[in-house]
Amino acid sequence: MPADLHLPAAGSGPGIVLLQEIFGVTDYIDGRARDLAALGYVVLVPHVYWRQGDPVISGEDALPRAMDALGKVDWDTAVADGVASVAALRQRDEIAGPTGVFGFCFGGGLAFAVAAADDPDFLVSYYGSALPNLLDATADVRAPSLHHFGLADTYIPAETVERIERVLTAGPAKATVLTYDDAGHAFDNPMPAFHHPKAARDAWGNTVTWLSRTAPAG
């Protein structure tokens, strides 16, 4: 499986496996990986779509093509790929400190499933699209976690977010659920159809603060 490694200026630090959205490993995902590396993390970005030619999906018809690509993913295999990515990153000499998982949309749900199947040290999930169907695995997630949701998300409506928060915060690990008014699904993605600048700024600031407390770099 191909994967991109992003190193911090110091050359070492805590590890993060960053899991892609449905659009593949786009410039946006690459940019967020570089943002995390700039904070001092060693970031590994596995290419989850590698078995179908590793498409990077953009353009006016991006969403239906991305949904088609997502439909070709075997979930259990993708989770196994995520677990393997955590193991591979932990073995690298550049790792100094804990190693966690981080994902956006499809990757946010996948990161939760990886945390349930394995033992990463922390979890960050942005609007994990599969989370409503994964809550039965909450008892298996031992890592502290941070979850972001927009309250104008038509894919994960507010009442579903409330249910997710109730279940996660009652689980064995410390879970933090943050919500953002007027933000829809994929609000961090810079595509005009999705982007909510204020929510994106606020969520990223909250993420940086949470990471600095949970898995400090440097």
N, C-alpha and C. Protein backbone atom coordinates (compact mmCIF):
# COMPACT_ATOMS: atom_id res chain seq x y z
N MET A 1 0.84 -1.19 0.00
CA MET A 1 0.00 0.00 0.00
C MET A 1 0.87 1.24 0.00
N PRO A 2 0.71 2.12 -0.97
CA PRO A 2 1.49 3.36 -0.95
C PRO A 2 1.03 4.27 0.19
N ALA A 3 1.97 5.04 0.72
CA ALA A 3 1.66 5.97 1.80
C ALA A 3 2.67 7.10 1.75
N ASP A 4 2.23 8.28 2.13
CA ASP A 4 3.09 9.46 2.14
C ASP A 4 3.54 9.76 3.57
N LEU A 5 4.82 10.03 3.74
CA LEU A 5 5.36 10.35 5.05
C LEU A 5 5.73 11.83 5.09
N HIS A 6 5.24 12.52 6.11
CA HIS A 6 5.54 13.93 6.32
C HIS A 6 6.25 14.07 7.65
N LEU A 7 7.45 14.62 7.61
CA LEU A 7 8.26 14.75 8.81
C LEU A 7 8.25 16.19 9.33
N PRO A 8 8.27 16.35 10.64
CA PRO A 8 8.38 17.70 11.22
C PRO A 8 9.79 18.23 11.07
N ALA A 9 9.95 19.51 11.31
CA ALA A 9 11.27 20.13 11.18
C ALA A 9 12.30 19.47 12.09
N ALA A 10 11.87 19.01 13.25
CA ALA A 10 12.79 18.37 14.19
C ALA A 10 13.23 16.98 13.74
N GLY A 11 12.50 16.41 12.78
CA GLY A 11 12.84 15.08 12.26
C GLY A 11 12.20 13.94 13.01
N SER A 12 11.61 14.23 14.18
CA SER A 12 10.96 13.19 14.96
C SER A 12 9.84 13.81 15.79
N GLY A 13 8.96 12.96 16.29
CA GLY A 13 7.86 13.44 17.10
C GLY A 13 6.81 12.36 17.25
N PRO A 14 5.69 12.68 17.91
CA PRO A 14 4.59 11.73 17.98
C PRO A 14 4.06 11.42 16.58
N GLY A 15 3.39 10.29 16.44
CA GLY A 15 2.91 9.86 15.13
C GLY A 15 1.42 10.06 14.93
N ILE A 16 1.05 10.35 13.69
CA ILE A 16 -0.36 10.44 13.30
C ILE A 16 -0.54 9.72 11.98
N VAL A 17 -1.47 8.76 11.94
CA VAL A 17 -1.92 8.17 10.68
C VAL A 17 -3.14 8.98 10.25
N LEU A 18 -3.02 9.65 9.12
CA LEU A 18 -4.08 10.52 8.61
C LEU A 18 -4.84 9.81 7.50
N LEU A 19 -6.14 9.64 7.68
CA LEU A 19 -6.97 8.87 6.76
C LEU A 19 -7.84 9.79 5.91
N GLN A 20 -7.86 9.53 4.64
CA GLN A 20 -8.43 10.39 3.61
C GLN A 20 -9.95 10.48 3.64
N GLU A 21 -10.47 11.48 2.93
CA GLU A 21 -11.89 11.58 2.62
C GLU A 21 -12.23 10.64 1.45
N ILE A 22 -13.49 10.72 0.99
CA ILE A 22 -13.92 9.89 -0.13
C ILE A 22 -13.27 10.33 -1.45
N PHE A 23 -12.69 11.52 -1.49
CA PHE A 23 -12.10 12.02 -2.73
C PHE A 23 -10.67 11.52 -2.95
N GLY A 24 -10.14 10.74 -2.02
CA GLY A 24 -8.78 10.22 -2.15
C GLY A 24 -7.77 11.10 -1.43
N VAL A 25 -6.51 10.85 -1.71
CA VAL A 25 -5.44 11.65 -1.10
C VAL A 25 -5.24 12.89 -1.98
N THR A 26 -6.06 13.88 -1.74
CA THR A 26 -6.08 15.10 -2.53
C THR A 26 -5.06 16.11 -2.02
N ASP A 27 -4.96 17.24 -2.73
CA ASP A 27 -4.10 18.32 -2.25
C ASP A 27 -4.54 18.80 -0.87
N TYR A 28 -5.83 18.77 -0.62
CA TYR A 28 -6.36 19.17 0.69
C TYR A 28 -5.85 18.25 1.79
N ILE A 29 -5.94 16.95 1.59
CA ILE A 29 -5.44 16.01 2.59
C ILE A 29 -3.93 16.16 2.75
N ASP A 30 -3.24 16.32 1.63
CA ASP A 30 -1.80 16.54 1.70
C ASP A 30 -1.48 17.81 2.49
N GLY A 31 -2.29 18.85 2.30
CA GLY A 31 -2.08 20.10 3.03
C GLY A 31 -2.30 19.94 4.52
N ARG A 32 -3.33 19.21 4.89
CA ARG A 32 -3.57 18.98 6.31
C ARG A 32 -2.45 18.12 6.92
N ALA A 33 -1.92 17.18 6.16
CA ALA A 33 -0.78 16.40 6.66
C ALA A 33 0.41 17.31 6.91
N ARG A 34 0.65 18.24 6.01
CA ARG A 34 1.76 19.17 6.20
C ARG A 34 1.50 20.12 7.38
N ASP A 35 0.23 20.49 7.58
CA ASP A 35 -0.12 21.30 8.75
C ASP A 35 0.22 20.57 10.05
N LEU A 36 -0.11 19.29 10.10
CA LEU A 36 0.18 18.49 11.30
C LEU A 36 1.68 18.30 11.49
N ALA A 37 2.39 18.09 10.38
CA ALA A 37 3.85 17.98 10.48
C ALA A 37 4.46 19.28 10.99
N ALA A 38 3.89 20.41 10.57
CA ALA A 38 4.40 21.70 11.03
C ALA A 38 4.20 21.88 12.53
N LEU A 39 3.23 21.17 13.09
CA LEU A 39 3.00 21.21 14.54
C LEU A 39 3.96 20.31 15.30
N GLY A 40 4.72 19.48 14.58
CA GLY A 40 5.70 18.62 15.22
C GLY A 40 5.40 17.14 15.16
N TYR A 41 4.40 16.73 14.35
CA TYR A 41 4.02 15.32 14.27
C TYR A 41 4.62 14.65 13.04
N VAL A 42 4.91 13.36 13.18
CA VAL A 42 5.30 12.51 12.06
C VAL A 42 4.01 11.94 11.49
N VAL A 43 3.70 12.29 10.25
CA VAL A 43 2.38 11.99 9.68
C VAL A 43 2.51 11.00 8.53
N LEU A 44 1.76 9.92 8.61
CA LEU A 44 1.70 8.93 7.54
C LEU A 44 0.31 8.95 6.93
N VAL A 45 0.24 9.08 5.61
CA VAL A 45 -1.04 9.14 4.89
C VAL A 45 -1.15 7.93 3.98
N PRO A 46 -1.82 6.86 4.41
CA PRO A 46 -1.99 5.70 3.52
C PRO A 46 -2.99 6.01 2.41
N HIS A 47 -2.76 5.43 1.25
CA HIS A 47 -3.66 5.61 0.11
C HIS A 47 -4.68 4.48 0.11
N VAL A 48 -5.81 4.72 0.76
CA VAL A 48 -6.79 3.66 1.01
C VAL A 48 -7.39 3.13 -0.29
N TYR A 49 -7.43 3.95 -1.33
CA TYR A 49 -8.00 3.52 -2.61
C TYR A 49 -6.99 2.79 -3.51
N TRP A 50 -5.89 2.36 -2.96
CA TRP A 50 -4.81 1.83 -3.79
C TRP A 50 -5.23 0.60 -4.58
N ARG A 51 -6.17 -0.18 -4.08
CA ARG A 51 -6.57 -1.40 -4.79
C ARG A 51 -7.42 -1.10 -6.03
N GLN A 52 -7.89 0.12 -6.16
CA GLN A 52 -8.66 0.50 -7.35
C GLN A 52 -7.94 1.57 -8.17
N GLY A 53 -6.61 1.56 -8.09
CA GLY A 53 -5.81 2.46 -8.91
C GLY A 53 -5.49 3.78 -8.27
N ASP A 54 -5.86 3.97 -6.99
CA ASP A 54 -5.51 5.17 -6.22
C ASP A 54 -6.02 6.45 -6.88
N PRO A 55 -7.32 6.54 -7.19
CA PRO A 55 -7.83 7.76 -7.83
C PRO A 55 -7.81 8.95 -6.89
N VAL A 56 -7.54 10.12 -7.45
CA VAL A 56 -7.71 11.39 -6.77
C VAL A 56 -8.81 12.12 -7.52
N ILE A 57 -9.92 12.37 -6.87
CA ILE A 57 -11.16 12.75 -7.54
C ILE A 57 -11.45 14.23 -7.36
N SER A 58 -11.67 14.92 -8.47
CA SER A 58 -11.98 16.35 -8.43
C SER A 58 -12.87 16.68 -9.62
N GLY A 59 -13.28 17.94 -9.72
CA GLY A 59 -14.11 18.36 -10.84
C GLY A 59 -15.58 18.46 -10.48
N GLU A 60 -16.38 18.89 -11.45
CA GLU A 60 -17.79 19.13 -11.20
C GLU A 60 -18.55 17.87 -10.80
N ASP A 61 -18.13 16.73 -11.32
CA ASP A 61 -18.83 15.47 -11.01
C ASP A 61 -18.07 14.67 -9.95
N ALA A 62 -17.32 15.37 -9.09
CA ALA A 62 -16.47 14.69 -8.11
C ALA A 62 -17.28 13.84 -7.15
N LEU A 63 -18.40 14.36 -6.66
CA LEU A 63 -19.12 13.65 -5.62
C LEU A 63 -19.65 12.30 -6.09
N PRO A 64 -20.35 12.21 -7.23
CA PRO A 64 -20.81 10.87 -7.66
C PRO A 64 -19.66 9.92 -7.95
N ARG A 65 -18.56 10.42 -8.50
CA ARG A 65 -17.42 9.55 -8.78
C ARG A 65 -16.76 9.09 -7.47
N ALA A 66 -16.74 10.00 -6.48
CA ALA A 66 -16.18 9.62 -5.19
C ALA A 66 -17.06 8.59 -4.49
N MET A 67 -18.37 8.74 -4.60
CA MET A 67 -19.27 7.75 -4.01
C MET A 67 -19.11 6.39 -4.69
N ASP A 68 -18.85 6.42 -5.98
CA ASP A 68 -18.59 5.16 -6.70
C ASP A 68 -17.31 4.50 -6.19
N ALA A 69 -16.27 5.32 -5.99
CA ALA A 69 -15.01 4.78 -5.46
C ALA A 69 -15.20 4.23 -4.05
N LEU A 70 -15.96 4.95 -3.24
CA LEU A 70 -16.22 4.48 -1.88
C LEU A 70 -16.96 3.15 -1.90
N GLY A 71 -17.89 3.01 -2.84
CA GLY A 71 -18.65 1.77 -2.93
C GLY A 71 -17.81 0.56 -3.27
N LYS A 72 -16.63 0.78 -3.81
CA LYS A 72 -15.74 -0.32 -4.15
C LYS A 72 -14.80 -0.73 -3.00
N VAL A 73 -14.88 0.01 -1.91
CA VAL A 73 -14.01 -0.27 -0.76
C VAL A 73 -14.61 -1.38 0.09
N ASP A 74 -13.82 -2.39 0.39
CA ASP A 74 -14.22 -3.40 1.37
C ASP A 74 -13.87 -2.86 2.75
N TRP A 75 -14.88 -2.66 3.60
CA TRP A 75 -14.68 -1.97 4.87
C TRP A 75 -13.68 -2.69 5.75
N ASP A 76 -13.84 -3.99 5.91
CA ASP A 76 -12.95 -4.73 6.79
C ASP A 76 -11.50 -4.67 6.32
N THR A 77 -11.32 -4.69 5.00
CA THR A 77 -9.97 -4.59 4.45
C THR A 77 -9.39 -3.20 4.70
N ALA A 78 -10.23 -2.17 4.56
CA ALA A 78 -9.76 -0.81 4.82
C ALA A 78 -9.37 -0.64 6.28
N VAL A 79 -10.14 -1.23 7.19
CA VAL A 79 -9.78 -1.17 8.61
C VAL A 79 -8.44 -1.87 8.84
N ALA A 80 -8.27 -3.03 8.22
CA ALA A 80 -7.00 -3.75 8.35
C ALA A 80 -5.85 -2.93 7.80
N ASP A 81 -6.08 -2.21 6.71
CA ASP A 81 -5.04 -1.32 6.17
C ASP A 81 -4.69 -0.22 7.16
N GLY A 82 -5.72 0.32 7.84
CA GLY A 82 -5.47 1.35 8.84
C GLY A 82 -4.68 0.83 10.02
N VAL A 83 -5.03 -0.37 10.49
CA VAL A 83 -4.29 -0.99 11.58
C VAL A 83 -2.84 -1.22 11.18
N ALA A 84 -2.63 -1.71 9.94
CA ALA A 84 -1.27 -1.93 9.45
C ALA A 84 -0.49 -0.62 9.37
N SER A 85 -1.19 0.46 9.02
CA SER A 85 -0.52 1.77 8.92
C SER A 85 -0.05 2.24 10.28
N VAL A 86 -0.87 2.04 11.31
CA VAL A 86 -0.47 2.41 12.67
C VAL A 86 0.76 1.61 13.08
N ALA A 87 0.74 0.30 12.81
CA ALA A 87 1.88 -0.55 13.18
C ALA A 87 3.15 -0.12 12.44
N ALA A 88 3.02 0.19 11.15
CA ALA A 88 4.17 0.59 10.35
C ALA A 88 4.75 1.91 10.85
N LEU A 89 3.87 2.85 11.20
CA LEU A 89 4.36 4.15 11.67
C LEU A 89 5.05 4.01 13.02
N ARG A 90 4.48 3.21 13.90
CA ARG A 90 5.09 3.04 15.22
C ARG A 90 6.49 2.45 15.15
N GLN A 91 6.76 1.68 14.10
CA GLN A 91 8.06 1.03 13.98
C GLN A 91 9.15 1.96 13.45
N ARG A 92 8.77 3.13 12.98
CA ARG A 92 9.75 4.03 12.38
C ARG A 92 10.61 4.70 13.45
N ASP A 93 11.87 4.92 13.09
CA ASP A 93 12.81 5.54 14.02
C ASP A 93 12.44 6.97 14.36
N GLU A 94 11.67 7.62 13.49
CA GLU A 94 11.32 9.03 13.73
C GLU A 94 10.27 9.21 14.82
N ILE A 95 9.63 8.14 15.24
CA ILE A 95 8.56 8.26 16.23
C ILE A 95 9.14 8.43 17.63
N ALA A 96 8.72 9.51 18.27
CA ALA A 96 9.09 9.78 19.66
C ALA A 96 7.82 10.20 20.39
N GLY A 97 7.20 9.25 21.07
CA GLY A 97 5.95 9.56 21.74
C GLY A 97 4.81 8.70 21.22
N PRO A 98 3.57 9.09 21.52
CA PRO A 98 2.41 8.29 21.15
C PRO A 98 2.11 8.35 19.65
N THR A 99 1.29 7.42 19.19
CA THR A 99 0.86 7.38 17.80
C THR A 99 -0.66 7.25 17.75
N GLY A 100 -1.30 8.15 17.02
CA GLY A 100 -2.75 8.15 16.94
C GLY A 100 -3.26 8.11 15.52
N VAL A 101 -4.60 8.16 15.39
CA VAL A 101 -5.26 8.16 14.09
C VAL A 101 -6.11 9.41 13.97
N PHE A 102 -6.27 9.88 12.73
CA PHE A 102 -6.92 11.16 12.46
C PHE A 102 -7.59 11.00 11.09
N GLY A 103 -8.86 11.37 10.99
CA GLY A 103 -9.52 11.20 9.70
C GLY A 103 -10.61 12.21 9.45
N PHE A 104 -10.87 12.43 8.17
CA PHE A 104 -11.92 13.33 7.71
C PHE A 104 -13.00 12.55 6.98
N CYS A 105 -14.27 12.75 7.35
CA CYS A 105 -15.41 12.17 6.64
C CYS A 105 -15.30 10.64 6.61
N PHE A 106 -15.16 10.03 5.45
CA PHE A 106 -14.92 8.59 5.37
C PHE A 106 -13.76 8.20 6.27
N GLY A 107 -12.69 8.97 6.25
CA GLY A 107 -11.53 8.69 7.07
C GLY A 107 -11.80 8.86 8.55
N GLY A 108 -12.74 9.74 8.91
CA GLY A 108 -13.09 9.91 10.31
C GLY A 108 -13.78 8.68 10.89
N GLY A 109 -14.70 8.10 10.11
CA GLY A 109 -15.31 6.86 10.55
C GLY A 109 -14.33 5.71 10.54
N LEU A 110 -13.49 5.68 9.52
CA LEU A 110 -12.47 4.63 9.43
C LEU A 110 -11.51 4.72 10.60
N ALA A 111 -11.13 5.92 10.99
CA ALA A 111 -10.23 6.10 12.13
C ALA A 111 -10.86 5.55 13.41
N PHE A 112 -12.16 5.76 13.59
CA PHE A 112 -12.85 5.22 14.76
C PHE A 112 -12.81 3.70 14.73
N ALA A 113 -13.06 3.11 13.57
CA ALA A 113 -13.04 1.66 13.45
C ALA A 113 -11.64 1.10 13.70
N VAL A 114 -10.62 1.81 13.24
CA VAL A 114 -9.23 1.40 13.51
C VAL A 114 -8.96 1.46 15.02
N ALA A 115 -9.46 2.52 15.67
CA ALA A 115 -9.26 2.64 17.11
C ALA A 115 -9.96 1.52 17.87
N ALA A 116 -11.10 1.05 17.35
CA ALA A 116 -11.82 -0.06 17.99
C ALA A 116 -11.11 -1.38 17.76
N ALA A 117 -10.47 -1.53 16.60
CA ALA A 117 -9.82 -2.79 16.26
C ALA A 117 -8.40 -2.90 16.80
N ASP A 118 -7.78 -1.75 17.09
CA ASP A 118 -6.38 -1.72 17.47
C ASP A 118 -6.24 -0.90 18.77
N ASP A 119 -5.06 -0.39 19.01
CA ASP A 119 -4.84 0.38 20.25
C ASP A 119 -4.05 1.66 19.99
N PRO A 120 -4.50 2.52 19.05
CA PRO A 120 -3.81 3.79 18.92
C PRO A 120 -3.93 4.61 20.20
N ASP A 121 -3.05 5.56 20.36
CA ASP A 121 -3.00 6.32 21.60
C ASP A 121 -4.00 7.47 21.65
N PHE A 122 -4.49 7.91 20.50
CA PHE A 122 -5.48 8.98 20.46
C PHE A 122 -6.19 8.95 19.11
N LEU A 123 -7.31 9.64 19.04
CA LEU A 123 -8.16 9.64 17.84
C LEU A 123 -8.76 11.02 17.63
N VAL A 124 -8.65 11.53 16.40
CA VAL A 124 -9.34 12.76 16.00
C VAL A 124 -10.19 12.43 14.79
N SER A 125 -11.48 12.75 14.85
CA SER A 125 -12.40 12.44 13.76
C SER A 125 -13.20 13.69 13.41
N TYR A 126 -13.13 14.07 12.15
CA TYR A 126 -13.97 15.14 11.63
C TYR A 126 -15.17 14.50 10.94
N TYR A 127 -16.38 14.81 11.45
CA TYR A 127 -17.65 14.36 10.87
C TYR A 127 -17.54 12.95 10.27
N GLY A 128 -17.17 12.00 11.13
CA GLY A 128 -17.00 10.62 10.67
C GLY A 128 -18.29 10.05 10.11
N SER A 129 -18.33 9.85 8.81
CA SER A 129 -19.59 9.52 8.15
C SER A 129 -20.14 8.15 8.55
N ALA A 130 -19.27 7.22 8.93
CA ALA A 130 -19.73 5.89 9.32
C ALA A 130 -20.04 5.78 10.80
N LEU A 131 -19.76 6.82 11.58
CA LEU A 131 -19.89 6.74 13.04
C LEU A 131 -21.29 6.31 13.51
N PRO A 132 -22.37 6.81 12.90
CA PRO A 132 -23.68 6.37 13.40
C PRO A 132 -23.87 4.86 13.37
N ASN A 133 -23.17 4.17 12.48
CA ASN A 133 -23.30 2.72 12.38
C ASN A 133 -22.21 1.97 13.11
N LEU A 134 -21.34 2.69 13.81
CA LEU A 134 -20.20 2.06 14.49
C LEU A 134 -20.29 2.17 16.01
N LEU A 135 -21.36 2.73 16.52
CA LEU A 135 -21.43 3.05 17.94
C LEU A 135 -21.40 1.81 18.83
N ASP A 136 -21.78 0.66 18.29
CA ASP A 136 -21.71 -0.57 19.08
C ASP A 136 -20.27 -0.92 19.45
N ALA A 137 -19.31 -0.34 18.73
CA ALA A 137 -17.89 -0.62 19.00
C ALA A 137 -17.29 0.35 20.01
N THR A 138 -18.10 1.25 20.56
CA THR A 138 -17.58 2.27 21.48
C THR A 138 -16.81 1.66 22.64
N ALA A 139 -17.29 0.55 23.16
CA ALA A 139 -16.63 -0.07 24.31
C ALA A 139 -15.23 -0.55 23.98
N ASP A 140 -14.95 -0.73 22.69
CA ASP A 140 -13.62 -1.20 22.28
C ASP A 140 -12.64 -0.07 22.01
N VAL A 141 -13.12 1.17 22.04
CA VAL A 141 -12.25 2.33 21.78
C VAL A 141 -11.71 2.83 23.11
N ARG A 142 -10.44 2.59 23.34
CA ARG A 142 -9.81 2.95 24.61
C ARG A 142 -9.03 4.27 24.53
N ALA A 143 -8.87 4.76 23.33
CA ALA A 143 -8.09 5.98 23.14
C ALA A 143 -8.93 7.22 23.43
N PRO A 144 -8.35 8.25 24.04
CA PRO A 144 -9.06 9.53 24.12
C PRO A 144 -9.34 10.04 22.72
N SER A 145 -10.50 10.68 22.54
CA SER A 145 -10.89 11.06 21.19
C SER A 145 -11.52 12.44 21.14
N LEU A 146 -11.38 13.05 19.97
CA LEU A 146 -11.99 14.36 19.68
C LEU A 146 -12.80 14.21 18.40
N HIS A 147 -14.05 14.68 18.44
CA HIS A 147 -14.96 14.54 17.30
C HIS A 147 -15.58 15.90 16.97
N HIS A 148 -15.57 16.25 15.68
CA HIS A 148 -16.14 17.51 15.21
C HIS A 148 -17.36 17.24 14.32
N PHE A 149 -18.43 18.02 14.52
CA PHE A 149 -19.62 17.91 13.68
C PHE A 149 -20.21 19.29 13.42
N GLY A 150 -20.74 19.48 12.22
CA GLY A 150 -21.50 20.68 11.91
C GLY A 150 -22.96 20.45 12.20
N LEU A 151 -23.63 21.43 12.77
CA LEU A 151 -25.03 21.28 13.13
C LEU A 151 -25.97 21.50 11.95
N ALA A 152 -25.44 21.88 10.79
CA ALA A 152 -26.25 21.97 9.58
C ALA A 152 -25.91 20.85 8.60
N ASP A 153 -25.36 19.77 9.13
CA ASP A 153 -24.96 18.61 8.33
C ASP A 153 -26.21 17.81 7.97
N THR A 154 -26.54 17.73 6.69
CA THR A 154 -27.72 16.96 6.28
C THR A 154 -27.41 15.47 6.21
N TYR A 155 -26.14 15.11 6.19
CA TYR A 155 -25.75 13.70 6.14
C TYR A 155 -25.74 13.10 7.55
N ILE A 156 -25.28 13.87 8.53
CA ILE A 156 -25.31 13.46 9.94
C ILE A 156 -26.09 14.55 10.68
N PRO A 157 -27.40 14.44 10.74
CA PRO A 157 -28.22 15.51 11.33
C PRO A 157 -27.97 15.69 12.82
N ALA A 158 -28.42 16.82 13.33
CA ALA A 158 -28.13 17.21 14.71
C ALA A 158 -28.60 16.16 15.71
N GLU A 159 -29.76 15.54 15.47
CA GLU A 159 -30.25 14.53 16.42
C GLU A 159 -29.34 13.30 16.43
N THR A 160 -28.74 13.00 15.30
CA THR A 160 -27.78 11.89 15.25
C THR A 160 -26.50 12.26 15.98
N VAL A 161 -26.07 13.51 15.82
CA VAL A 161 -24.88 13.98 16.55
C VAL A 161 -25.12 13.89 18.06
N GLU A 162 -26.33 14.24 18.51
CA GLU A 162 -26.65 14.13 19.94
C GLU A 162 -26.55 12.69 20.41
N ARG A 163 -27.03 11.75 19.58
CA ARG A 163 -26.94 10.34 19.96
C ARG A 163 -25.49 9.88 20.00
N ILE A 164 -24.70 10.30 19.02
CA ILE A 164 -23.28 9.96 19.00
C ILE A 164 -22.60 10.48 20.27
N GLU A 165 -22.90 11.73 20.63
CA GLU A 165 -22.27 12.31 21.82
C GLU A 165 -22.66 11.55 23.09
N ARG A 166 -23.94 11.18 23.21
CA ARG A 166 -24.37 10.43 24.39
C ARG A 166 -23.61 9.11 24.52
N VAL A 167 -23.49 8.40 23.41
CA VAL A 167 -22.85 7.09 23.45
C VAL A 167 -21.34 7.22 23.70
N LEU A 168 -20.69 8.13 22.97
CA LEU A 168 -19.24 8.24 23.09
C LEU A 168 -18.81 8.74 24.46
N THR A 169 -19.52 9.70 24.99
CA THR A 169 -19.11 10.26 26.29
C THR A 169 -19.42 9.31 27.43
N ALA A 170 -20.26 8.29 27.19
CA ALA A 170 -20.52 7.26 28.21
C ALA A 170 -19.58 6.06 28.06
N GLY A 171 -18.72 6.10 27.07
CA GLY A 171 -17.81 4.99 26.81
C GLY A 171 -16.65 4.97 27.77
N PRO A 172 -15.78 3.97 27.64
CA PRO A 172 -14.67 3.80 28.58
C PRO A 172 -13.56 4.83 28.43
N ALA A 173 -13.46 5.44 27.25
CA ALA A 173 -12.40 6.42 27.01
C ALA A 173 -12.96 7.83 27.08
N LYS A 174 -12.07 8.77 27.30
CA LYS A 174 -12.48 10.17 27.36
C LYS A 174 -12.75 10.67 25.94
N ALA A 175 -14.00 11.01 25.65
CA ALA A 175 -14.39 11.50 24.32
C ALA A 175 -14.89 12.93 24.43
N THR A 176 -14.43 13.78 23.53
CA THR A 176 -14.87 15.16 23.44
C THR A 176 -15.58 15.35 22.11
N VAL A 177 -16.81 15.84 22.15
CA VAL A 177 -17.60 16.08 20.93
C VAL A 177 -17.86 17.57 20.84
N LEU A 178 -17.42 18.19 19.74
CA LEU A 178 -17.61 19.62 19.52
C LEU A 178 -18.48 19.84 18.30
N THR A 179 -19.36 20.84 18.37
CA THR A 179 -20.27 21.12 17.26
C THR A 179 -20.12 22.57 16.82
N TYR A 180 -20.54 22.82 15.56
CA TYR A 180 -20.33 24.13 14.93
C TYR A 180 -21.62 24.55 14.24
N ASP A 181 -22.16 25.68 14.68
CA ASP A 181 -23.41 26.18 14.13
C ASP A 181 -23.27 26.50 12.64
N ASP A 182 -24.31 26.20 11.89
CA ASP A 182 -24.43 26.57 10.46
C ASP A 182 -23.43 25.85 9.56
N ALA A 183 -22.64 24.93 10.09
CA ALA A 183 -21.65 24.22 9.27
C ALA A 183 -22.24 22.90 8.79
N GLY A 184 -22.04 22.62 7.50
CA GLY A 184 -22.54 21.38 6.94
C GLY A 184 -21.47 20.30 6.94
N HIS A 185 -21.76 19.21 6.23
CA HIS A 185 -20.82 18.11 6.16
C HIS A 185 -19.56 18.56 5.40
N ALA A 186 -18.42 18.02 5.80
CA ALA A 186 -17.14 18.31 5.15
C ALA A 186 -16.78 19.79 5.20
N PHE A 187 -17.14 20.46 6.30
CA PHE A 187 -16.94 21.91 6.37
C PHE A 187 -15.48 22.32 6.34
N ASP A 188 -14.57 21.41 6.62
CA ASP A 188 -13.15 21.76 6.57
C ASP A 188 -12.59 21.68 5.16
N ASN A 189 -13.27 20.97 4.28
CA ASN A 189 -12.81 20.84 2.89
C ASN A 189 -12.93 22.18 2.18
N PRO A 190 -11.87 22.64 1.48
CA PRO A 190 -11.92 23.96 0.85
C PRO A 190 -12.80 24.05 -0.39
N MET A 191 -13.35 22.93 -0.87
CA MET A 191 -14.26 23.00 -2.02
C MET A 191 -15.43 23.91 -1.69
N PRO A 192 -15.79 24.84 -2.59
CA PRO A 192 -16.84 25.82 -2.27
C PRO A 192 -18.17 25.19 -1.85
N ALA A 193 -18.48 24.02 -2.36
CA ALA A 193 -19.73 23.37 -2.01
C ALA A 193 -19.79 22.95 -0.55
N PHE A 194 -18.64 22.83 0.08
CA PHE A 194 -18.59 22.32 1.45
C PHE A 194 -18.06 23.32 2.48
N HIS A 195 -17.15 24.15 2.08
CA HIS A 195 -16.32 24.90 3.03
C HIS A 195 -17.13 25.89 3.86
N HIS A 196 -16.87 25.87 5.18
CA HIS A 196 -17.42 26.86 6.10
C HIS A 196 -16.21 27.47 6.82
N PRO A 197 -15.76 28.64 6.39
CA PRO A 197 -14.49 29.17 6.89
C PRO A 197 -14.41 29.28 8.40
N LYS A 198 -15.45 29.79 9.04
CA LYS A 198 -15.37 29.97 10.50
C LYS A 198 -15.30 28.62 11.21
N ALA A 199 -16.15 27.69 10.81
CA ALA A 199 -16.12 26.37 11.45
C ALA A 199 -14.79 25.69 11.23
N ALA A 200 -14.24 25.83 10.02
CA ALA A 200 -12.95 25.22 9.73
C ALA A 200 -11.86 25.80 10.62
N ARG A 201 -11.84 27.13 10.77
CA ARG A 201 -10.84 27.77 11.63
C ARG A 201 -11.02 27.34 13.08
N ASP A 202 -12.26 27.39 13.55
CA ASP A 202 -12.51 27.06 14.95
C ASP A 202 -12.16 25.60 15.25
N ALA A 203 -12.57 24.70 14.35
CA ALA A 203 -12.31 23.28 14.58
C ALA A 203 -10.81 22.99 14.56
N TRP A 204 -10.10 23.63 13.64
CA TRP A 204 -8.66 23.39 13.60
C TRP A 204 -7.97 23.93 14.86
N GLY A 205 -8.38 25.10 15.30
CA GLY A 205 -7.83 25.64 16.53
C GLY A 205 -8.11 24.73 17.71
N ASN A 206 -9.33 24.19 17.78
CA ASN A 206 -9.68 23.26 18.84
C ASN A 206 -8.86 21.97 18.74
N THR A 207 -8.61 21.53 17.51
CA THR A 207 -7.80 20.33 17.30
C THR A 207 -6.37 20.54 17.78
N VAL A 208 -5.79 21.66 17.42
CA VAL A 208 -4.42 21.97 17.83
C VAL A 208 -4.31 22.01 19.35
N THR A 209 -5.29 22.64 20.00
CA THR A 209 -5.27 22.71 21.46
C THR A 209 -5.41 21.33 22.08
N TRP A 210 -6.33 20.54 21.55
CA TRP A 210 -6.56 19.19 22.09
C TRP A 210 -5.33 18.31 21.91
N LEU A 211 -4.72 18.37 20.73
CA LEU A 211 -3.50 17.58 20.50
C LEU A 211 -2.38 18.01 21.43
N SER A 212 -2.26 19.30 21.68
CA SER A 212 -1.18 19.79 22.54
C SER A 212 -1.33 19.27 23.97
N ARG A 213 -2.56 18.97 24.36
CA ARG A 213 -2.80 18.44 25.71
C ARG A 213 -2.71 16.91 25.73
N THR A 214 -3.14 16.28 24.66
CA THR A 214 -3.28 14.83 24.63
C THR A 214 -2.02 14.12 24.15
N ALA A 215 -1.39 14.69 23.15
CA ALA A 215 -0.18 14.09 22.57
C ALA A 215 0.78 15.21 22.18
N PRO A 216 1.33 15.91 23.15
CA PRO A 216 2.15 17.09 22.84
C PRO A 216 3.38 16.74 22.02
N ALA A 217 3.65 17.62 21.06
CA ALA A 217 4.84 17.47 20.22
C ALA A 217 5.86 18.52 20.61
N GLY A 218 7.08 18.09 20.92
CA GLY A 218 8.11 19.04 21.26
C GLY A 218 8.02 19.56 22.70
